[in-house]
Amino acid sequence: MNESGPRAGIDRGRILVGVDGSEDGLRAVTYASTEALVTGGDVWIVHAIDDAAPITGLWDIVSSPEVRRHAADNIVAEATAVATGLGLPSGRVAG
């Protein structure tokens, strides 16, 4: 997140938000993005699953690590679009 200006090099603070593809996850992104706009912070969007955990539900169908990675990338991309759609500059969103 490269930047120039009076705040260059200053740690703006980070808000970490986890997403899972649900509406609740996107609401969390909305909340985090709004907070970042007010405070000048950055938003870090993450999605994680435990490959060692028993696979249930949707993950029964999606068993390939590559397919799960692609699905996670799509979830993070959707969440990133929500953050930038609220006016958060793309340089302040990491996914």
C-alpha atoms as a PDB file:
ATOM      1  CA  MET A   1       0.000   0.000   0.000  1.00  0.00           C
ATOM      2  CA  ASN A   2       2.228   2.687  -1.356  1.00  0.00           C
ATOM      3  CA  GLU A   3       1.265   6.283  -0.804  1.00  0.00           C
ATOM      4  CA  SER A   4       2.715   9.768  -0.889  1.00  0.00           C
ATOM      5  CA  GLY A   5       1.745  12.870   1.004  1.00  0.00           C
ATOM      6  CA  PRO A   6       1.715  13.991   4.633  1.00  0.00           C
ATOM      7  CA  ARG A   7       0.748  10.562   5.958  1.00  0.00           C
ATOM      8  CA  ALA A   8       3.244   8.596   3.836  1.00  0.00           C
ATOM      9  CA  GLY A   9       5.098   6.071   5.944  1.00  0.00           C
ATOM     10  CA  ILE A  10       2.683   6.454   8.867  1.00  0.00           C
ATOM     11  CA  ASP A  11       0.899   3.325   9.998  1.00  0.00           C
ATOM     12  CA  ARG A  12      -2.777   4.192   9.571  1.00  0.00           C
ATOM     13  CA  GLY A  13      -4.016   1.216  11.493  1.00  0.00           C
ATOM     14  CA  ARG A  14      -5.594  -1.929  10.124  1.00  0.00           C
ATOM     15  CA  ILE A  15      -8.999  -3.478  10.453  1.00  0.00           C
ATOM     16  CA  LEU A  16      -9.032  -7.220   9.865  1.00  0.00           C
ATOM     17  CA  VAL A  17     -12.315  -8.670   8.647  1.00  0.00           C
ATOM     18  CA  GLY A  18     -13.036 -12.321   7.954  1.00  0.00           C
ATOM     19  CA  VAL A  19     -15.436 -13.300   5.191  1.00  0.00           C
ATOM     20  CA  ASP A  20     -17.111 -16.583   4.362  1.00  0.00           C
ATOM     21  CA  GLY A  21     -19.281 -15.696   1.389  1.00  0.00           C
ATOM     22  CA  SER A  22     -22.361 -14.998   3.510  1.00  0.00           C
ATOM     23  CA  GLU A  23     -24.426 -11.827   3.790  1.00  0.00           C
ATOM     24  CA  ASP A  24     -23.181 -11.507   7.377  1.00  0.00           C
ATOM     25  CA  GLY A  25     -19.600 -11.523   6.091  1.00  0.00           C
ATOM     26  CA  LEU A  26     -20.411  -8.742   3.648  1.00  0.00           C
ATOM     27  CA  ARG A  27     -22.078  -6.780   6.461  1.00  0.00           C
ATOM     28  CA  ALA A  28     -18.835  -7.121   8.409  1.00  0.00           C
ATOM     29  CA  VAL A  29     -16.952  -5.731   5.397  1.00  0.00           C
ATOM     30  CA  THR A  30     -19.397  -2.824   5.238  1.00  0.00           C
ATOM     31  CA  TYR A  31     -18.877  -2.088   8.930  1.00  0.00           C
ATOM     32  CA  ALA A  32     -15.081  -2.382   8.660  1.00  0.00           C
ATOM     33  CA  SER A  33     -14.959  -0.203   5.542  1.00  0.00           C
ATOM     34  CA  THR A  34     -17.109   2.496   7.122  1.00  0.00           C
ATOM     35  CA  GLU A  35     -14.869   2.467  10.180  1.00  0.00           C
ATOM     36  CA  ALA A  36     -11.770   2.691   7.964  1.00  0.00           C
ATOM     37  CA  LEU A  37     -13.225   5.683   6.124  1.00  0.00           C
ATOM     38  CA  VAL A  38     -13.812   7.451   9.446  1.00  0.00           C
ATOM     39  CA  THR A  39     -10.455   6.577  11.018  1.00  0.00           C
ATOM     40  CA  GLY A  40      -8.257   6.609   7.921  1.00  0.00           C
ATOM     41  CA  GLY A  41      -7.343   2.955   8.430  1.00  0.00           C
ATOM     42  CA  ASP A  42      -6.810   0.099   6.013  1.00  0.00           C
ATOM     43  CA  VAL A  43      -9.026  -2.974   5.678  1.00  0.00           C
ATOM     44  CA  TRP A  44      -7.531  -6.436   5.418  1.00  0.00           C
ATOM     45  CA  ILE A  45     -10.014  -9.006   4.123  1.00  0.00           C
ATOM     46  CA  VAL A  46      -9.335 -12.685   4.824  1.00  0.00           C
ATOM     47  CA  HIS A  47     -11.014 -15.996   4.172  1.00  0.00           C
ATOM     48  CA  ALA A  48      -9.685 -19.181   5.741  1.00  0.00           C
ATOM     49  CA  ILE A  49     -10.700 -22.800   6.060  1.00  0.00           C
ATOM     50  CA  ASP A  50      -9.011 -25.615   7.923  1.00  0.00           C
ATOM     51  CA  ASP A  51      -8.028 -28.243   5.356  1.00  0.00           C
ATOM     52  CA  ALA A  52      -7.454 -30.709   8.196  1.00  0.00           C
ATOM     53  CA  ALA A  53     -10.967 -30.317   9.611  1.00  0.00           C
ATOM     54  CA  PRO A  54     -13.681 -32.804   8.672  1.00  0.00           C
ATOM     55  CA  ILE A  55     -15.330 -31.617   5.482  1.00  0.00           C
ATOM     56  CA  THR A  56     -19.077 -31.048   5.725  1.00  0.00           C
ATOM     57  CA  GLY A  57     -21.829 -29.251   3.852  1.00  0.00           C
ATOM     58  CA  LEU A  58     -20.802 -27.479   0.669  1.00  0.00           C
ATOM     59  CA  TRP A  59     -17.199 -28.540   1.148  1.00  0.00           C
ATOM     60  CA  ASP A  60     -18.272 -32.179   0.570  1.00  0.00           C
ATOM     61  CA  ILE A  61     -18.785 -31.220  -3.058  1.00  0.00           C
ATOM     62  CA  VAL A  62     -15.738 -28.973  -3.267  1.00  0.00           C
ATOM     63  CA  SER A  63     -12.893 -31.188  -2.166  1.00  0.00           C
ATOM     64  CA  SER A  64      -9.984 -30.088  -4.360  1.00  0.00           C
ATOM     65  CA  PRO A  65      -7.615 -27.563  -2.740  1.00  0.00           C
ATOM     66  CA  GLU A  66      -7.437 -25.694  -6.048  1.00  0.00           C
ATOM     67  CA  VAL A  67     -11.221 -25.419  -6.260  1.00  0.00           C
ATOM     68  CA  ARG A  68     -11.433 -24.257  -2.632  1.00  0.00           C
ATOM     69  CA  ARG A  69      -8.716 -21.668  -3.320  1.00  0.00           C
ATOM     70  CA  HIS A  70     -10.609 -20.382  -6.363  1.00  0.00           C
ATOM     71  CA  ALA A  71     -13.828 -20.151  -4.325  1.00  0.00           C
ATOM     72  CA  ALA A  72     -12.000 -18.272  -1.556  1.00  0.00           C
ATOM     73  CA  ASP A  73     -10.482 -15.867  -4.096  1.00  0.00           C
ATOM     74  CA  ASN A  74     -13.978 -15.131  -5.423  1.00  0.00           C
ATOM     75  CA  ILE A  75     -15.306 -14.515  -1.914  1.00  0.00           C
ATOM     76  CA  VAL A  76     -12.475 -12.095  -1.146  1.00  0.00           C
ATOM     77  CA  ALA A  77     -12.910 -10.348  -4.511  1.00  0.00           C
ATOM     78  CA  GLU A  78     -16.620  -9.822  -3.813  1.00  0.00           C
ATOM     79  CA  ALA A  79     -15.829  -8.424  -0.367  1.00  0.00           C
ATOM     80  CA  THR A  80     -13.148  -6.146  -1.822  1.00  0.00           C
ATOM     81  CA  ALA A  81     -15.695  -4.820  -4.325  1.00  0.00           C
ATOM     82  CA  VAL A  82     -18.044  -4.005  -1.438  1.00  0.00           C
ATOM     83  CA  ALA A  83     -15.287  -2.080   0.366  1.00  0.00           C
ATOM     84  CA  THR A  84     -14.253  -0.073  -2.682  1.00  0.00           C
ATOM     85  CA  GLY A  85     -17.896   0.456  -3.631  1.00  0.00           C
ATOM     86  CA  LEU A  86     -18.341   2.251  -0.317  1.00  0.00           C
ATOM     87  CA  GLY A  87     -15.575   4.660  -1.288  1.00  0.00           C
ATOM     88  CA  LEU A  88     -12.544   3.051   0.345  1.00  0.00           C
ATOM     89  CA  PRO A  89      -9.583   3.524  -2.027  1.00  0.00           C
ATOM     90  CA  SER A  90      -8.343   0.224  -3.470  1.00  0.00           C
ATOM     91  CA  GLY A  91      -4.883   0.972  -2.101  1.00  0.00           C
ATOM     92  CA  ARG A  92      -6.315   0.756   1.401  1.00  0.00           C
ATOM     93  CA  VAL A  93      -7.928  -2.655   0.894  1.00  0.00           C
ATOM     94  CA  ALA A  94      -5.857  -5.842   1.045  1.00  0.00           C
ATOM     95  CA  GLY A  95      -7.349  -9.207   0.290  1.00  0.00           C
END
